[in-house]
Amino acid sequence: EDTLLPRILVVFMFANMADNALFTVLLPTLAKQVLDNPLTLGLSVAAFGAGALAGAVLFGAVGHRFPRHVILTGALLISGAPKFFAIAAMPGTPTLVVTMALAGIAAGPVNPLLTAVQFNRIPAELRGRVSGAIMAAVVAAVPVGIFGAGLLVAMTSLTTALLVIAAGYLLVSLYPALHPAWRAATP
């Protein structure tokens, strides 16, 4: 029985919940209520996307030189909680854009790594079903995160919502660093 794949599922369900909440609820709220500038929203999302593309290309070029679990843990720790903590400080547009670009660079290797781990660990005859189930669970978590973030903002404040999600993201990101099953991600 593979103990790594369920752990990957839990971590990435939370990551998708949090990141989708950021892009659909938290950043738009920041842009409207705090910065009063919709351009900020577009620039920050574009910076994250450009950073993620650059991170994926960089991973493709040099990623094979490092253990997968080290890259995955580092990517989670850099691309996850820090952006929420930084945004909670209510930065101006330049700082926000740089923060999102750096988070995107760190996030770039995540999906290619997860795909490689799945292909290495799931038997070929089960790959479609298991990969489909993992993807379905991860995608099903997205509306929960969006609803939860909206509820947090409505019941507390934008800053509190960002800090609560950042703390959760930090805990989830530390899990791969602390659990030995994640070292199995390195072939």
N, C-alpha and C. Protein backbone atom coordinates (compact mmCIF):
# COMPACT_ATOMS: atom_id res chain seq x y z
N GLU A 1 0.84 -1.19 0.00
CA GLU A 1 0.00 0.00 0.00
C GLU A 1 0.89 1.25 0.00
N ASP A 2 0.58 2.18 -0.85
CA ASP A 2 1.34 3.41 -0.97
C ASP A 2 0.85 4.42 0.06
N THR A 3 1.74 4.86 0.94
CA THR A 3 1.36 5.84 1.96
C THR A 3 1.62 7.28 1.52
N LEU A 4 2.36 7.44 0.44
CA LEU A 4 2.69 8.80 -0.01
C LEU A 4 1.53 9.46 -0.74
N LEU A 5 0.86 8.74 -1.62
CA LEU A 5 -0.19 9.36 -2.43
C LEU A 5 -1.31 9.97 -1.59
N PRO A 6 -1.81 9.32 -0.52
CA PRO A 6 -2.82 10.00 0.29
C PRO A 6 -2.29 11.27 0.96
N ARG A 7 -1.03 11.26 1.32
CA ARG A 7 -0.43 12.46 1.94
C ARG A 7 -0.32 13.59 0.92
N ILE A 8 0.06 13.23 -0.30
CA ILE A 8 0.10 14.24 -1.37
C ILE A 8 -1.30 14.82 -1.57
N LEU A 9 -2.29 13.96 -1.55
CA LEU A 9 -3.67 14.41 -1.75
C LEU A 9 -4.08 15.44 -0.70
N VAL A 10 -3.80 15.17 0.56
CA VAL A 10 -4.19 16.10 1.63
C VAL A 10 -3.49 17.44 1.48
N VAL A 11 -2.20 17.41 1.24
CA VAL A 11 -1.44 18.65 1.10
C VAL A 11 -1.96 19.48 -0.08
N PHE A 12 -2.21 18.82 -1.19
CA PHE A 12 -2.59 19.59 -2.37
C PHE A 12 -4.06 19.95 -2.41
N MET A 13 -4.87 19.24 -1.66
CA MET A 13 -6.25 19.71 -1.49
C MET A 13 -6.24 21.03 -0.74
N PHE A 14 -5.45 21.10 0.34
CA PHE A 14 -5.38 22.36 1.09
C PHE A 14 -4.76 23.46 0.25
N ALA A 15 -3.67 23.15 -0.45
CA ALA A 15 -3.00 24.17 -1.26
C ALA A 15 -3.94 24.73 -2.32
N ASN A 16 -4.72 23.88 -2.96
CA ASN A 16 -5.67 24.36 -3.96
C ASN A 16 -6.79 25.17 -3.33
N MET A 17 -7.25 24.74 -2.17
CA MET A 17 -8.28 25.51 -1.46
C MET A 17 -7.76 26.92 -1.17
N ALA A 18 -6.56 26.99 -0.60
CA ALA A 18 -6.00 28.27 -0.19
C ALA A 18 -5.66 29.16 -1.39
N ASP A 19 -5.00 28.59 -2.39
CA ASP A 19 -4.58 29.41 -3.53
C ASP A 19 -5.76 29.91 -4.35
N ASN A 20 -6.77 29.07 -4.53
CA ASN A 20 -7.95 29.54 -5.25
C ASN A 20 -8.71 30.58 -4.46
N ALA A 21 -8.73 30.45 -3.14
CA ALA A 21 -9.34 31.48 -2.30
C ALA A 21 -8.58 32.80 -2.45
N LEU A 22 -7.27 32.70 -2.54
CA LEU A 22 -6.46 33.91 -2.70
C LEU A 22 -6.82 34.64 -3.99
N PHE A 23 -6.89 33.89 -5.09
CA PHE A 23 -7.11 34.53 -6.39
C PHE A 23 -8.55 34.97 -6.62
N THR A 24 -9.50 34.32 -5.98
CA THR A 24 -10.91 34.65 -6.25
C THR A 24 -11.57 35.51 -5.19
N VAL A 25 -11.04 35.49 -3.96
CA VAL A 25 -11.66 36.26 -2.88
C VAL A 25 -10.69 37.27 -2.28
N LEU A 26 -9.53 36.81 -1.85
CA LEU A 26 -8.66 37.64 -1.03
C LEU A 26 -7.95 38.74 -1.82
N LEU A 27 -7.36 38.41 -2.96
CA LEU A 27 -6.72 39.46 -3.77
C LEU A 27 -7.73 40.47 -4.32
N PRO A 28 -8.89 40.03 -4.84
CA PRO A 28 -9.87 41.02 -5.26
C PRO A 28 -10.35 41.92 -4.12
N THR A 29 -10.49 41.36 -2.92
CA THR A 29 -10.88 42.17 -1.76
C THR A 29 -9.79 43.17 -1.42
N LEU A 30 -8.54 42.74 -1.45
CA LEU A 30 -7.42 43.65 -1.22
C LEU A 30 -7.41 44.77 -2.25
N ALA A 31 -7.55 44.40 -3.52
CA ALA A 31 -7.51 45.40 -4.59
C ALA A 31 -8.63 46.41 -4.46
N LYS A 32 -9.81 45.96 -4.06
CA LYS A 32 -10.96 46.86 -3.97
C LYS A 32 -10.97 47.67 -2.67
N GLN A 33 -10.82 47.00 -1.54
CA GLN A 33 -11.00 47.66 -0.25
C GLN A 33 -9.77 48.40 0.26
N VAL A 34 -8.60 47.87 -0.04
CA VAL A 34 -7.39 48.46 0.55
C VAL A 34 -6.64 49.32 -0.47
N LEU A 35 -6.36 48.76 -1.61
CA LEU A 35 -5.54 49.47 -2.59
C LEU A 35 -6.37 50.33 -3.53
N ASP A 36 -7.67 50.06 -3.60
CA ASP A 36 -8.58 50.80 -4.46
C ASP A 36 -8.06 50.90 -5.90
N ASN A 37 -7.59 49.75 -6.40
CA ASN A 37 -6.98 49.76 -7.71
C ASN A 37 -7.12 48.38 -8.36
N PRO A 38 -8.02 48.24 -9.32
CA PRO A 38 -8.19 46.93 -9.97
C PRO A 38 -6.95 46.51 -10.78
N LEU A 39 -6.15 47.47 -11.19
CA LEU A 39 -4.93 47.15 -11.92
C LEU A 39 -4.01 46.29 -11.07
N THR A 40 -4.01 46.53 -9.76
CA THR A 40 -3.19 45.75 -8.84
C THR A 40 -3.54 44.27 -8.91
N LEU A 41 -4.81 43.98 -8.99
CA LEU A 41 -5.25 42.58 -9.08
C LEU A 41 -4.68 41.94 -10.35
N GLY A 42 -4.82 42.61 -11.47
CA GLY A 42 -4.31 42.08 -12.73
C GLY A 42 -2.80 41.91 -12.73
N LEU A 43 -2.11 42.89 -12.20
CA LEU A 43 -0.64 42.81 -12.15
C LEU A 43 -0.17 41.68 -11.24
N SER A 44 -0.82 41.52 -10.10
CA SER A 44 -0.37 40.48 -9.17
C SER A 44 -0.65 39.08 -9.71
N VAL A 45 -1.79 38.89 -10.34
CA VAL A 45 -2.10 37.58 -10.93
C VAL A 45 -1.17 37.30 -12.10
N ALA A 46 -0.92 38.30 -12.93
CA ALA A 46 0.00 38.13 -14.05
C ALA A 46 1.41 37.84 -13.56
N ALA A 47 1.83 38.50 -12.49
CA ALA A 47 3.18 38.26 -11.94
C ALA A 47 3.30 36.83 -11.43
N PHE A 48 2.26 36.33 -10.77
CA PHE A 48 2.29 34.95 -10.30
C PHE A 48 2.37 33.99 -11.48
N GLY A 49 1.56 34.22 -12.51
CA GLY A 49 1.57 33.35 -13.68
C GLY A 49 2.91 33.35 -14.40
N ALA A 50 3.48 34.52 -14.59
CA ALA A 50 4.79 34.62 -15.24
C ALA A 50 5.86 33.94 -14.39
N GLY A 51 5.77 34.14 -13.08
CA GLY A 51 6.72 33.49 -12.18
C GLY A 51 6.60 31.98 -12.22
N ALA A 52 5.36 31.48 -12.25
CA ALA A 52 5.15 30.03 -12.30
C ALA A 52 5.72 29.44 -13.59
N LEU A 53 5.53 30.13 -14.69
CA LEU A 53 6.11 29.66 -15.95
C LEU A 53 7.64 29.64 -15.87
N ALA A 54 8.21 30.70 -15.33
CA ALA A 54 9.67 30.76 -15.19
C ALA A 54 10.17 29.67 -14.25
N GLY A 55 9.44 29.42 -13.16
CA GLY A 55 9.83 28.38 -12.22
C GLY A 55 9.76 26.99 -12.83
N ALA A 56 8.75 26.75 -13.66
CA ALA A 56 8.64 25.45 -14.32
C ALA A 56 9.78 25.25 -15.32
N VAL A 57 10.12 26.29 -16.05
CA VAL A 57 11.23 26.21 -17.01
C VAL A 57 12.55 25.98 -16.27
N LEU A 58 12.73 26.72 -15.19
CA LEU A 58 13.95 26.55 -14.39
C LEU A 58 14.04 25.13 -13.81
N PHE A 59 12.92 24.62 -13.32
CA PHE A 59 12.89 23.25 -12.81
C PHE A 59 13.22 22.26 -13.93
N GLY A 60 12.68 22.48 -15.11
CA GLY A 60 12.97 21.60 -16.24
C GLY A 60 14.44 21.60 -16.59
N ALA A 61 15.10 22.73 -16.41
CA ALA A 61 16.51 22.83 -16.77
C ALA A 61 17.44 22.23 -15.71
N VAL A 62 17.15 22.46 -14.43
CA VAL A 62 18.10 22.04 -13.38
C VAL A 62 17.48 21.18 -12.29
N GLY A 63 16.20 20.94 -12.33
CA GLY A 63 15.52 20.22 -11.27
C GLY A 63 15.99 18.80 -11.06
N HIS A 64 16.46 18.17 -12.10
CA HIS A 64 16.91 16.77 -12.00
C HIS A 64 18.14 16.62 -11.11
N ARG A 65 18.79 17.71 -10.77
CA ARG A 65 20.01 17.66 -9.95
C ARG A 65 19.71 17.56 -8.45
N PHE A 66 18.45 17.73 -8.07
CA PHE A 66 18.09 17.79 -6.66
C PHE A 66 17.05 16.73 -6.32
N PRO A 67 17.03 16.26 -5.08
CA PRO A 67 16.00 15.29 -4.68
C PRO A 67 14.61 15.92 -4.78
N ARG A 68 13.67 15.13 -5.25
CA ARG A 68 12.31 15.64 -5.46
C ARG A 68 11.69 16.15 -4.17
N HIS A 69 11.88 15.43 -3.07
CA HIS A 69 11.23 15.86 -1.84
C HIS A 69 11.78 17.20 -1.35
N VAL A 70 13.04 17.49 -1.63
CA VAL A 70 13.63 18.77 -1.24
C VAL A 70 13.01 19.90 -2.06
N ILE A 71 12.89 19.69 -3.35
CA ILE A 71 12.29 20.71 -4.21
C ILE A 71 10.83 20.92 -3.85
N LEU A 72 10.11 19.82 -3.65
CA LEU A 72 8.68 19.92 -3.33
C LEU A 72 8.46 20.63 -2.01
N THR A 73 9.22 20.26 -0.98
CA THR A 73 9.08 20.91 0.32
C THR A 73 9.45 22.38 0.22
N GLY A 74 10.55 22.68 -0.45
CA GLY A 74 10.96 24.08 -0.62
C GLY A 74 9.93 24.88 -1.39
N ALA A 75 9.40 24.28 -2.45
CA ALA A 75 8.39 24.98 -3.25
C ALA A 75 7.16 25.30 -2.41
N LEU A 76 6.72 24.34 -1.61
CA LEU A 76 5.55 24.58 -0.76
C LEU A 76 5.83 25.65 0.29
N LEU A 77 7.00 25.55 0.93
CA LEU A 77 7.32 26.51 1.99
C LEU A 77 7.50 27.93 1.45
N ILE A 78 7.99 28.06 0.24
CA ILE A 78 8.23 29.40 -0.31
C ILE A 78 6.98 29.95 -1.01
N SER A 79 6.27 29.10 -1.74
CA SER A 79 5.15 29.61 -2.54
C SER A 79 3.84 29.68 -1.76
N GLY A 80 3.75 29.04 -0.61
CA GLY A 80 2.49 28.97 0.12
C GLY A 80 2.29 30.08 1.12
N ALA A 81 2.58 29.81 2.37
CA ALA A 81 2.28 30.73 3.47
C ALA A 81 2.91 32.12 3.34
N PRO A 82 4.17 32.23 2.87
CA PRO A 82 4.78 33.57 2.84
C PRO A 82 3.97 34.61 2.05
N LYS A 83 3.35 34.20 0.96
CA LYS A 83 2.59 35.20 0.20
C LYS A 83 1.37 35.68 0.99
N PHE A 84 0.76 34.80 1.75
CA PHE A 84 -0.38 35.20 2.58
C PHE A 84 0.07 36.13 3.70
N PHE A 85 1.19 35.80 4.36
CA PHE A 85 1.72 36.68 5.40
C PHE A 85 2.09 38.04 4.83
N ALA A 86 2.73 38.06 3.67
CA ALA A 86 3.13 39.32 3.05
C ALA A 86 1.92 40.16 2.68
N ILE A 87 0.90 39.53 2.12
CA ILE A 87 -0.30 40.27 1.73
C ILE A 87 -1.03 40.79 2.97
N ALA A 88 -0.98 40.04 4.07
CA ALA A 88 -1.63 40.48 5.32
C ALA A 88 -1.01 41.77 5.84
N ALA A 89 0.24 42.04 5.45
CA ALA A 89 0.90 43.29 5.85
C ALA A 89 0.39 44.47 5.03
N MET A 90 -0.51 44.20 4.08
CA MET A 90 -1.12 45.22 3.22
C MET A 90 -0.08 46.04 2.48
N PRO A 91 0.72 45.35 1.66
CA PRO A 91 1.78 46.07 0.93
C PRO A 91 1.20 46.91 -0.19
N GLY A 92 2.01 47.79 -0.70
CA GLY A 92 1.63 48.54 -1.89
C GLY A 92 1.76 47.66 -3.12
N THR A 93 1.37 48.19 -4.25
CA THR A 93 1.36 47.42 -5.49
C THR A 93 2.73 46.84 -5.86
N PRO A 94 3.81 47.61 -5.82
CA PRO A 94 5.10 47.02 -6.22
C PRO A 94 5.50 45.81 -5.36
N THR A 95 5.34 45.93 -4.05
CA THR A 95 5.70 44.83 -3.16
C THR A 95 4.80 43.62 -3.40
N LEU A 96 3.53 43.86 -3.61
CA LEU A 96 2.59 42.78 -3.88
C LEU A 96 2.97 42.05 -5.17
N VAL A 97 3.29 42.78 -6.21
CA VAL A 97 3.64 42.18 -7.49
C VAL A 97 4.91 41.35 -7.37
N VAL A 98 5.92 41.86 -6.68
CA VAL A 98 7.16 41.12 -6.49
C VAL A 98 6.90 39.86 -5.66
N THR A 99 6.12 39.99 -4.60
CA THR A 99 5.77 38.84 -3.76
C THR A 99 5.11 37.75 -4.58
N MET A 100 4.16 38.14 -5.41
CA MET A 100 3.43 37.15 -6.22
C MET A 100 4.34 36.53 -7.28
N ALA A 101 5.25 37.30 -7.85
CA ALA A 101 6.18 36.75 -8.83
C ALA A 101 7.10 35.71 -8.18
N LEU A 102 7.61 36.02 -7.00
CA LEU A 102 8.48 35.07 -6.30
C LEU A 102 7.72 33.81 -5.89
N ALA A 103 6.49 33.99 -5.43
CA ALA A 103 5.67 32.82 -5.08
C ALA A 103 5.41 31.97 -6.33
N GLY A 104 5.19 32.62 -7.45
CA GLY A 104 4.97 31.89 -8.71
C GLY A 104 6.20 31.10 -9.12
N ILE A 105 7.37 31.70 -8.99
CA ILE A 105 8.61 30.99 -9.34
C ILE A 105 8.75 29.73 -8.48
N ALA A 106 8.49 29.89 -7.20
CA ALA A 106 8.60 28.73 -6.29
C ALA A 106 7.54 27.68 -6.60
N ALA A 107 6.36 28.10 -7.04
CA ALA A 107 5.28 27.15 -7.33
C ALA A 107 5.47 26.43 -8.66
N GLY A 108 6.30 26.95 -9.53
CA GLY A 108 6.48 26.38 -10.87
C GLY A 108 6.77 24.90 -10.93
N PRO A 109 7.62 24.36 -10.06
CA PRO A 109 7.94 22.93 -10.13
C PRO A 109 6.86 22.00 -9.56
N VAL A 110 5.89 22.53 -8.85
CA VAL A 110 4.97 21.67 -8.08
C VAL A 110 4.20 20.70 -8.97
N ASN A 111 3.49 21.18 -9.95
CA ASN A 111 2.68 20.28 -10.78
C ASN A 111 3.53 19.29 -11.59
N PRO A 112 4.63 19.72 -12.20
CA PRO A 112 5.47 18.72 -12.88
C PRO A 112 6.00 17.65 -11.92
N LEU A 113 6.38 18.06 -10.71
CA LEU A 113 6.85 17.09 -9.72
C LEU A 113 5.76 16.10 -9.33
N LEU A 114 4.58 16.61 -9.07
CA LEU A 114 3.49 15.73 -8.67
C LEU A 114 3.13 14.75 -9.78
N THR A 115 3.16 15.21 -11.00
CA THR A 115 2.88 14.32 -12.12
C THR A 115 3.94 13.23 -12.21
N ALA A 116 5.20 13.60 -12.04
CA ALA A 116 6.28 12.61 -12.08
C ALA A 116 6.14 11.59 -10.95
N VAL A 117 5.82 12.07 -9.76
CA VAL A 117 5.64 11.16 -8.62
C VAL A 117 4.50 10.20 -8.89
N GLN A 118 3.40 10.70 -9.41
CA GLN A 118 2.25 9.84 -9.72
C GLN A 118 2.64 8.78 -10.76
N PHE A 119 3.33 9.19 -11.79
CA PHE A 119 3.71 8.22 -12.82
C PHE A 119 4.68 7.17 -12.29
N ASN A 120 5.53 7.56 -11.36
CA ASN A 120 6.47 6.60 -10.78
C ASN A 120 5.81 5.64 -9.79
N ARG A 121 4.77 6.07 -9.12
CA ARG A 121 4.22 5.30 -8.01
C ARG A 121 2.93 4.55 -8.33
N ILE A 122 2.20 5.01 -9.31
CA ILE A 122 0.91 4.38 -9.63
C ILE A 122 1.15 3.34 -10.73
N PRO A 123 0.73 2.10 -10.50
CA PRO A 123 0.87 1.08 -11.56
C PRO A 123 0.15 1.53 -12.84
N ALA A 124 0.73 1.21 -13.97
CA ALA A 124 0.21 1.67 -15.26
C ALA A 124 -1.27 1.33 -15.44
N GLU A 125 -1.69 0.14 -15.00
CA GLU A 125 -3.08 -0.27 -15.21
C GLU A 125 -4.06 0.51 -14.32
N LEU A 126 -3.56 1.20 -13.29
CA LEU A 126 -4.43 1.98 -12.40
C LEU A 126 -4.25 3.49 -12.56
N ARG A 127 -3.30 3.87 -13.37
CA ARG A 127 -2.90 5.28 -13.46
C ARG A 127 -4.06 6.22 -13.79
N GLY A 128 -4.87 5.87 -14.75
CA GLY A 128 -5.99 6.73 -15.14
C GLY A 128 -6.99 6.91 -14.01
N ARG A 129 -7.35 5.81 -13.38
CA ARG A 129 -8.34 5.88 -12.29
C ARG A 129 -7.80 6.61 -11.07
N VAL A 130 -6.59 6.30 -10.66
CA VAL A 130 -6.03 6.93 -9.47
C VAL A 130 -5.74 8.41 -9.73
N SER A 131 -5.15 8.73 -10.86
CA SER A 131 -4.89 10.14 -11.19
C SER A 131 -6.19 10.92 -11.29
N GLY A 132 -7.21 10.32 -11.89
CA GLY A 132 -8.51 10.97 -11.99
C GLY A 132 -9.13 11.21 -10.63
N ALA A 133 -9.01 10.23 -9.73
CA ALA A 133 -9.56 10.38 -8.38
C ALA A 133 -8.82 11.48 -7.60
N ILE A 134 -7.50 11.52 -7.75
CA ILE A 134 -6.72 12.56 -7.09
C ILE A 134 -7.13 13.93 -7.61
N MET A 135 -7.22 14.07 -8.93
CA MET A 135 -7.59 15.35 -9.52
C MET A 135 -9.00 15.77 -9.09
N ALA A 136 -9.92 14.82 -9.07
CA ALA A 136 -11.30 15.13 -8.67
C ALA A 136 -11.34 15.63 -7.23
N ALA A 137 -10.60 14.99 -6.34
CA ALA A 137 -10.59 15.41 -4.94
C ALA A 137 -9.98 16.80 -4.78
N VAL A 138 -8.90 17.04 -5.48
CA VAL A 138 -8.23 18.34 -5.40
C VAL A 138 -9.14 19.45 -5.93
N VAL A 139 -9.78 19.20 -7.06
CA VAL A 139 -10.66 20.20 -7.65
C VAL A 139 -11.93 20.39 -6.80
N ALA A 140 -12.41 19.32 -6.19
CA ALA A 140 -13.61 19.42 -5.35
C ALA A 140 -13.35 20.28 -4.11
N ALA A 141 -12.10 20.38 -3.69
CA ALA A 141 -11.77 21.18 -2.51
C ALA A 141 -11.81 22.68 -2.80
N VAL A 142 -11.71 23.07 -4.05
CA VAL A 142 -11.62 24.48 -4.42
C VAL A 142 -12.82 25.30 -3.92
N PRO A 143 -14.06 24.89 -4.19
CA PRO A 143 -15.17 25.72 -3.71
C PRO A 143 -15.24 25.81 -2.19
N VAL A 144 -14.77 24.79 -1.50
CA VAL A 144 -14.73 24.84 -0.04
C VAL A 144 -13.79 25.95 0.42
N GLY A 145 -12.64 26.04 -0.20
CA GLY A 145 -11.69 27.09 0.14
C GLY A 145 -12.21 28.48 -0.18
N ILE A 146 -12.86 28.61 -1.32
CA ILE A 146 -13.39 29.92 -1.71
C ILE A 146 -14.50 30.34 -0.74
N PHE A 147 -15.40 29.42 -0.42
CA PHE A 147 -16.47 29.72 0.52
C PHE A 147 -15.90 30.05 1.90
N GLY A 148 -14.93 29.24 2.34
CA GLY A 148 -14.33 29.48 3.65
C GLY A 148 -13.64 30.83 3.74
N ALA A 149 -12.93 31.22 2.70
CA ALA A 149 -12.25 32.52 2.70
C ALA A 149 -13.26 33.65 2.72
N GLY A 150 -14.32 33.52 1.93
CA GLY A 150 -15.36 34.55 1.95
C GLY A 150 -16.00 34.67 3.31
N LEU A 151 -16.25 33.54 3.94
CA LEU A 151 -16.84 33.52 5.27
C LEU A 151 -15.90 34.15 6.29
N LEU A 152 -14.62 33.82 6.21
CA LEU A 152 -13.64 34.40 7.13
C LEU A 152 -13.56 35.92 6.98
N VAL A 153 -13.52 36.39 5.74
CA VAL A 153 -13.45 37.84 5.51
C VAL A 153 -14.70 38.52 6.05
N ALA A 154 -15.87 37.92 5.78
CA ALA A 154 -17.13 38.51 6.23
C ALA A 154 -17.26 38.51 7.75
N MET A 155 -16.77 37.46 8.40
CA MET A 155 -16.93 37.34 9.85
C MET A 155 -15.83 38.02 10.65
N THR A 156 -14.65 38.21 10.02
CA THR A 156 -13.54 38.82 10.74
C THR A 156 -13.04 40.03 9.95
N SER A 157 -11.96 39.83 9.24
CA SER A 157 -11.40 40.89 8.39
C SER A 157 -10.52 40.23 7.34
N LEU A 158 -10.13 41.00 6.37
CA LEU A 158 -9.24 40.49 5.33
C LEU A 158 -7.91 40.05 5.95
N THR A 159 -7.37 40.86 6.83
CA THR A 159 -6.09 40.52 7.47
C THR A 159 -6.19 39.22 8.26
N THR A 160 -7.24 39.07 9.04
CA THR A 160 -7.42 37.85 9.83
C THR A 160 -7.56 36.64 8.92
N ALA A 161 -8.34 36.77 7.86
CA ALA A 161 -8.50 35.66 6.92
C ALA A 161 -7.16 35.27 6.32
N LEU A 162 -6.37 36.24 5.91
CA LEU A 162 -5.05 35.96 5.34
C LEU A 162 -4.14 35.26 6.34
N LEU A 163 -4.15 35.71 7.59
CA LEU A 163 -3.29 35.12 8.61
C LEU A 163 -3.72 33.71 8.98
N VAL A 164 -5.03 33.47 9.06
CA VAL A 164 -5.53 32.13 9.38
C VAL A 164 -5.13 31.15 8.26
N ILE A 165 -5.35 31.56 7.03
CA ILE A 165 -5.00 30.68 5.90
C ILE A 165 -3.49 30.49 5.82
N ALA A 166 -2.72 31.55 6.08
CA ALA A 166 -1.26 31.43 6.07
C ALA A 166 -0.78 30.43 7.12
N ALA A 167 -1.37 30.47 8.30
CA ALA A 167 -0.97 29.53 9.35
C ALA A 167 -1.28 28.10 8.94
N GLY A 168 -2.45 27.88 8.38
CA GLY A 168 -2.81 26.55 7.89
C GLY A 168 -1.88 26.09 6.79
N TYR A 169 -1.56 26.99 5.88
CA TYR A 169 -0.66 26.66 4.76
C TYR A 169 0.73 26.30 5.29
N LEU A 170 1.19 27.03 6.28
CA LEU A 170 2.50 26.76 6.84
C LEU A 170 2.53 25.36 7.47
N LEU A 171 1.50 25.01 8.22
CA LEU A 171 1.44 23.68 8.83
C LEU A 171 1.42 22.58 7.77
N VAL A 172 0.61 22.77 6.75
CA VAL A 172 0.51 21.77 5.69
C VAL A 172 1.82 21.68 4.91
N SER A 173 2.50 22.80 4.73
CA SER A 173 3.77 22.81 3.99
C SER A 173 4.89 22.14 4.77
N LEU A 174 4.81 22.18 6.09
CA LEU A 174 5.83 21.54 6.91
C LEU A 174 5.68 20.02 6.95
N TYR A 175 4.50 19.55 6.68
CA TYR A 175 4.22 18.12 6.74
C TYR A 175 5.18 17.29 5.88
N PRO A 176 5.42 17.67 4.63
CA PRO A 176 6.38 16.89 3.82
C PRO A 176 7.79 16.90 4.40
N ALA A 177 8.18 18.00 5.05
CA ALA A 177 9.51 18.07 5.62
C ALA A 177 9.65 17.15 6.83
N LEU A 178 8.55 16.90 7.51
CA LEU A 178 8.60 16.14 8.76
C LEU A 178 8.25 14.67 8.62
N HIS A 179 7.59 14.30 7.56
CA HIS A 179 7.13 12.92 7.43
C HIS A 179 8.04 12.13 6.49
N PRO A 180 8.55 10.97 6.93
CA PRO A 180 9.51 10.22 6.12
C PRO A 180 8.95 9.69 4.80
N ALA A 181 7.65 9.52 4.68
CA ALA A 181 7.09 9.00 3.42
C ALA A 181 7.41 9.92 2.24
N TRP A 182 7.60 11.21 2.52
CA TRP A 182 7.87 12.15 1.43
C TRP A 182 9.25 11.95 0.82
N ARG A 183 10.16 11.39 1.59
CA ARG A 183 11.48 11.11 1.01
C ARG A 183 11.37 10.06 -0.09
N ALA A 184 10.28 9.30 -0.04
CA ALA A 184 10.04 8.29 -1.08
C ALA A 184 9.73 8.93 -2.42
N ALA A 185 9.47 10.23 -2.43
CA ALA A 185 9.20 10.93 -3.69
C ALA A 185 10.46 11.03 -4.53
N THR A 186 11.61 10.79 -3.92
CA THR A 186 12.87 10.82 -4.66
C THR A 186 13.16 9.43 -5.20
N PRO A 187 13.25 9.30 -6.51
CA PRO A 187 13.49 7.97 -7.09
C PRO A 187 14.87 7.43 -6.71
